Amino acid sequence: MYFSNNLKYLRKKRGNTQEEMANVLGIKRSTYADYENGKTDPTIAFLMKTSEYFGHTPNELLTTDLGIPLFHRQNKEMPNLYADGLRVVTITVNGNKKENIEFVPVQAIAGYAASFNNQAFIEELPRFQLPGLPEGTYRAFEIQGDSMPPIHEGFIVIGQYVERWQDLKNGIRCVLILKNEGVVFKRVVNEVGQNRRLVLVSDNPEFLPYTVPIAEVLEAWEMKAFIGFPDEPKAFNEVVFEKLQSIEEKLAGLITEKN
């Protein structure tokens, strides 16, 4: 478990894609993905290559969670926050090795909560690109319910991946992947420093706030944009994704004209 998590963390830290790592280490991308997903135990040869490339001893790669800062590893009273998924995210890239925005439609929400770190599952999701976004990793989620107006059921929230719980600022709207509840969309009040928990608040006053321990949070995506289709059926369908692709093509055309 440590090895696969470390492999993901160190790759993301260097800004490499799985394809680039596979080329560096002289293996197929699918083989590399199996190492990252913990499906295959590392061979001695692979362990030595990764050790040399990342500058960590084989023992560190196999027995230490490198995603946790050294201070927190030594402080036994600190909760193991990073091991619960706020450090590494599974992604896909396009032909130009640029990260895609994977789209999680409503019928995939339950599956996403169980398979958010499964490369094969992520690769099956629809995906698109939006030019002009700040550097980062993004994902799009179709929203269920009406607890966060003006974003209503059937709207699509585009969120930027939050790597550390410290970056969850009070008042931001986030799509959160929770161990027990699955995917939720709420405003966040960060009480981790005092109580090691988040308070999740709805913009609709009919929904009461509630708290979750930070250890329950598997992923966090801060909302950066949303796409609404008030006249379309609320459930995901082909028309919605066609509009996403149309937006992508139009934005790409505008950037080409400016250049």
Protein backbone atom coordinates (compact mmCIF):
# COMPACT_ATOMS: atom_id res chain seq x y z
CA MET A 1 0.00 0.00 0.00
CA TYR A 2 2.77 2.46 0.87
CA PHE A 3 4.55 1.82 -2.41
CA SER A 4 1.56 2.48 -4.67
CA ASN A 5 0.58 5.61 -2.74
CA ASN A 6 4.17 6.88 -2.80
CA LEU A 7 4.41 6.24 -6.52
CA LYS A 8 1.31 8.38 -7.15
CA TYR A 9 2.43 11.12 -4.77
CA LEU A 10 5.97 11.42 -6.14
CA ARG A 11 4.81 11.36 -9.76
CA LYS A 12 2.28 14.14 -9.14
CA LYS A 13 4.87 16.12 -7.19
CA ARG A 14 7.15 16.07 -10.22
CA GLY A 15 4.28 16.89 -12.57
CA ASN A 16 4.67 13.74 -14.66
CA THR A 17 1.89 11.80 -16.37
CA GLN A 18 1.65 8.03 -16.10
CA GLU A 19 2.72 7.79 -19.75
CA GLU A 20 5.87 9.83 -19.07
CA MET A 21 6.74 7.74 -16.03
CA ALA A 22 6.27 4.52 -17.99
CA ASN A 23 8.65 5.80 -20.68
CA VAL A 24 11.27 6.83 -18.10
CA LEU A 25 11.11 3.45 -16.39
CA GLY A 26 10.98 1.44 -19.62
CA ILE A 27 7.58 -0.23 -19.16
CA LYS A 28 4.08 -0.03 -20.64
CA ARG A 29 1.70 2.60 -19.29
CA SER A 30 -0.80 -0.09 -18.31
CA THR A 31 1.91 -1.89 -16.33
CA TYR A 32 2.86 1.33 -14.58
CA ALA A 33 -0.82 2.00 -13.78
CA ASP A 34 -1.06 -1.42 -12.13
CA TYR A 35 1.84 -0.49 -9.84
CA GLU A 36 0.15 2.81 -8.91
CA ASN A 37 -3.19 1.12 -8.27
CA GLY A 38 -1.61 -1.54 -6.09
CA LYS A 39 -2.60 -4.36 -8.44
CA THR A 40 0.99 -5.50 -8.91
CA ASP A 41 3.78 -5.76 -6.33
CA PRO A 42 7.02 -4.07 -7.45
CA THR A 43 9.81 -6.23 -8.79
CA ILE A 44 13.31 -5.68 -7.44
CA ALA A 45 14.34 -4.10 -10.74
CA PHE A 46 11.36 -1.74 -10.77
CA LEU A 47 11.88 -0.82 -7.13
CA MET A 48 15.53 0.06 -7.76
CA LYS A 49 14.66 2.18 -10.82
CA THR A 50 12.00 4.16 -8.96
CA SER A 51 14.32 4.56 -5.98
CA GLU A 52 17.03 6.05 -8.20
CA TYR A 53 14.61 8.27 -10.13
CA PHE A 54 12.87 9.80 -7.11
CA GLY A 55 15.87 9.90 -4.79
CA HIS A 56 14.28 7.83 -2.01
CA THR A 57 15.63 4.55 -0.64
CA PRO A 58 13.73 1.33 -1.41
CA ASN A 59 12.94 1.05 2.30
CA GLU A 60 11.35 4.54 2.31
CA LEU A 61 9.25 3.71 -0.73
CA LEU A 62 7.99 0.48 0.85
CA THR A 63 7.49 1.44 4.50
CA THR A 64 6.90 5.22 4.76
CA ASP A 65 3.99 7.39 3.68
CA LEU A 66 5.98 10.08 1.89
CA GLY A 67 2.86 12.17 1.27
CA ILE A 68 2.84 13.17 4.94
CA PRO A 69 5.36 15.88 5.86
CA LEU A 70 8.17 14.65 8.12
CA PHE A 71 6.92 16.74 11.07
CA HIS A 72 3.51 15.06 10.93
CA ARG A 73 5.09 11.60 10.61
CA GLN A 74 7.01 12.25 13.81
CA ASN A 75 4.08 13.80 15.68
CA LYS A 76 2.00 10.83 16.81
CA GLU A 77 -0.90 13.05 17.89
CA MET A 78 -1.53 14.33 14.38
CA PRO A 79 -4.24 12.47 12.43
CA ASN A 80 -3.13 10.66 9.30
CA LEU A 81 -4.92 13.12 7.03
CA TYR A 82 -3.02 12.67 3.81
CA ALA A 83 -3.33 8.88 3.73
CA ASP A 84 -7.10 9.37 3.36
CA GLY A 85 -6.77 10.72 -0.15
CA LEU A 86 -6.15 14.49 -0.04
CA ARG A 87 -2.77 14.19 -1.76
CA VAL A 88 -3.06 12.19 -4.97
CA VAL A 89 -5.74 12.05 -7.64
CA THR A 90 -6.14 9.68 -10.59
CA ILE A 91 -6.21 11.50 -13.94
CA THR A 92 -6.26 11.01 -17.70
CA VAL A 93 -4.48 13.08 -20.37
CA ASN A 94 -5.21 13.91 -24.00
CA GLY A 95 -2.95 13.37 -27.00
CA ASN A 96 -0.95 16.49 -26.10
CA LYS A 97 -0.35 15.14 -22.57
CA LYS A 98 -2.62 17.80 -21.10
CA GLU A 99 -4.86 16.72 -18.23
CA ASN A 100 -8.50 16.14 -19.15
CA ILE A 101 -11.50 17.28 -17.18
CA GLU A 102 -13.29 14.01 -16.43
CA PHE A 103 -17.07 14.29 -16.23
CA VAL A 104 -18.93 12.35 -13.52
CA PRO A 105 -22.60 12.13 -14.61
CA VAL A 106 -25.32 11.41 -12.10
CA GLN A 107 -25.51 7.69 -12.89
CA ALA A 108 -21.77 7.36 -12.18
CA ILE A 109 -21.85 9.18 -8.81
CA ALA A 110 -22.23 6.04 -6.67
CA GLY A 111 -19.53 4.24 -8.66
CA TYR A 112 -17.19 7.23 -8.38
CA ALA A 113 -17.41 7.24 -4.60
CA ALA A 114 -16.23 3.63 -4.57
CA SER A 115 -13.71 3.84 -7.45
CA PHE A 116 -12.38 7.43 -7.43
CA ASN A 117 -8.77 6.14 -7.30
CA ASN A 118 -9.26 3.37 -9.86
CA GLN A 119 -7.51 4.26 -13.13
CA ALA A 120 -9.68 1.95 -15.24
CA PHE A 121 -12.87 3.53 -13.86
CA ILE A 122 -11.62 7.09 -14.42
CA GLU A 123 -10.61 6.26 -17.99
CA GLU A 124 -14.21 5.18 -18.74
CA LEU A 125 -15.66 8.59 -17.78
CA PRO A 126 -16.51 11.18 -20.46
CA ARG A 127 -13.83 13.84 -20.68
CA PHE A 128 -13.29 17.26 -22.23
CA GLN A 129 -10.97 20.29 -22.19
CA LEU A 130 -11.65 23.94 -21.33
CA PRO A 131 -8.97 26.42 -22.44
CA GLY A 132 -7.91 29.23 -20.12
CA LEU A 133 -8.25 27.48 -16.76
CA PRO A 134 -5.47 28.18 -14.24
CA GLU A 135 -2.95 25.39 -13.78
CA GLY A 136 -4.38 22.53 -11.77
CA THR A 137 -6.37 19.32 -11.92
CA TYR A 138 -10.09 19.62 -12.63
CA ARG A 139 -13.14 17.37 -12.58
CA ALA A 140 -16.79 17.98 -13.46
CA PHE A 141 -19.70 16.60 -11.45
CA GLU A 142 -23.41 16.55 -12.27
CA ILE A 143 -25.22 17.85 -9.20
CA GLN A 144 -28.12 16.13 -7.46
CA GLY A 145 -30.66 17.93 -5.27
CA ASP A 146 -31.39 21.61 -4.70
CA SER A 147 -29.46 22.40 -1.52
CA MET A 148 -27.05 24.84 -3.22
CA PRO A 149 -28.98 27.41 -5.31
CA PRO A 150 -28.49 28.94 -7.82
CA ILE A 151 -26.88 25.63 -8.77
CA HIS A 152 -29.72 23.19 -9.23
CA GLU A 153 -30.11 19.51 -9.93
CA GLY A 154 -28.72 18.61 -13.33
CA PHE A 155 -26.22 21.50 -13.38
CA ILE A 156 -22.55 20.63 -13.78
CA VAL A 157 -19.93 21.89 -11.30
CA ILE A 158 -16.31 22.12 -12.42
CA GLY A 159 -14.00 21.76 -9.43
CA GLN A 160 -10.25 22.13 -8.94
CA TYR A 161 -8.56 19.42 -6.91
CA VAL A 162 -7.54 20.48 -3.38
CA GLU A 163 -4.38 18.68 -2.32
CA ARG A 164 -4.26 19.63 1.37
CA TRP A 165 -6.96 20.16 3.99
CA GLN A 166 -5.19 23.42 4.94
CA ASP A 167 -6.25 24.80 1.54
CA LEU A 168 -9.96 24.30 2.28
CA LYS A 169 -10.82 27.93 3.01
CA ASN A 170 -13.94 28.91 4.93
CA GLY A 171 -16.92 29.60 2.72
CA ILE A 172 -15.72 27.95 -0.48
CA ARG A 173 -18.09 25.63 -2.31
CA CYS A 174 -16.71 22.14 -2.79
CA VAL A 175 -17.61 18.78 -4.19
CA LEU A 176 -16.45 16.37 -1.48
CA ILE A 177 -15.99 12.62 -1.69
CA LEU A 178 -16.81 11.20 1.74
CA LYS A 179 -16.22 7.68 3.00
CA ASN A 180 -19.76 7.12 4.23
CA GLU A 181 -21.89 9.59 2.25
CA GLY A 182 -20.27 9.44 -1.16
CA VAL A 183 -20.37 12.62 -3.27
CA VAL A 184 -21.77 15.83 -1.73
CA PHE A 185 -21.73 19.49 -2.80
CA LYS A 186 -21.59 22.01 0.08
CA ARG A 187 -19.94 25.12 1.47
CA VAL A 188 -17.06 24.34 3.78
CA VAL A 189 -16.19 25.71 7.21
CA ASN A 190 -12.73 24.41 8.08
CA GLU A 191 -12.43 23.51 11.79
CA VAL A 192 -9.63 21.00 11.31
CA GLY A 193 -7.15 23.09 13.30
CA GLN A 194 -9.35 23.00 16.40
CA ASN A 195 -11.66 20.03 16.06
CA ARG A 196 -10.24 18.08 13.10
CA ARG A 197 -13.51 18.33 11.24
CA LEU A 198 -15.33 20.20 8.50
CA VAL A 199 -18.73 21.84 8.86
CA LEU A 200 -20.75 21.40 5.65
CA VAL A 201 -23.32 24.10 4.99
CA SER A 202 -26.07 24.31 2.35
CA ASP A 203 -27.02 27.59 0.66
CA ASN A 204 -30.64 26.47 0.90
CA PRO A 205 -31.67 27.29 4.52
CA GLU A 206 -34.05 24.31 4.55
CA PHE A 207 -31.00 22.04 4.84
CA LEU A 208 -29.25 22.02 8.21
CA PRO A 209 -25.42 22.16 8.52
CA TYR A 210 -23.60 19.04 9.68
CA THR A 211 -20.03 18.05 10.50
CA VAL A 212 -17.67 15.40 9.16
CA PRO A 213 -14.24 14.38 10.53
CA ILE A 214 -11.43 15.30 8.15
CA ALA A 215 -10.44 11.61 8.09
CA GLU A 216 -13.76 10.94 6.30
CA VAL A 217 -12.79 13.17 3.35
CA LEU A 218 -11.33 11.19 0.46
CA GLU A 219 -11.21 13.98 -2.15
CA ALA A 220 -12.08 17.67 -2.26
CA TRP A 221 -12.80 19.73 -5.42
CA GLU A 222 -13.21 23.50 -5.04
CA MET A 223 -15.86 24.88 -7.40
CA LYS A 224 -14.35 27.14 -10.07
CA ALA A 225 -17.25 27.23 -12.55
CA PHE A 226 -20.59 25.69 -13.30
CA ILE A 227 -22.64 24.94 -16.39
CA GLY A 228 -26.43 25.12 -16.18
CA PHE A 229 -29.09 23.93 -18.58
CA PRO A 230 -32.36 25.04 -16.96
CA ASP A 231 -34.48 23.94 -19.92
CA GLU A 232 -32.92 20.49 -20.23
CA PRO A 233 -33.98 17.34 -18.35
CA LYS A 234 -32.24 17.22 -15.00
CA ALA A 235 -30.78 13.77 -15.55
CA PHE A 236 -27.59 13.49 -17.60
CA ASN A 237 -28.11 12.69 -21.28
CA GLU A 238 -26.26 12.91 -24.54
CA VAL A 239 -27.47 16.45 -25.21
CA VAL A 240 -25.71 17.77 -22.10
CA PHE A 241 -22.37 16.25 -23.02
CA GLU A 242 -22.73 17.46 -26.61
CA LYS A 243 -23.09 21.00 -25.23
CA LEU A 244 -19.95 20.55 -23.15
CA GLN A 245 -18.05 19.51 -26.25
CA SER A 246 -19.52 22.47 -28.17
CA ILE A 247 -18.33 24.89 -25.47
CA GLU A 248 -14.86 23.34 -25.62
CA GLU A 249 -14.68 23.72 -29.41
CA LYS A 250 -15.88 27.34 -29.35
CA LEU A 251 -13.39 28.36 -26.66
CA ALA A 252 -10.57 26.65 -28.52
CA GLY A 253 -11.59 28.54 -31.67
CA LEU A 254 -11.55 31.88 -29.87
CA ILE A 255 -8.03 31.26 -28.55
CA THR A 256 -6.85 30.26 -32.05
CA GLU A 257 -8.29 33.51 -33.51
CA LYS A 258 -6.51 35.62 -30.88
CA ASN A 259 -3.20 33.95 -31.66
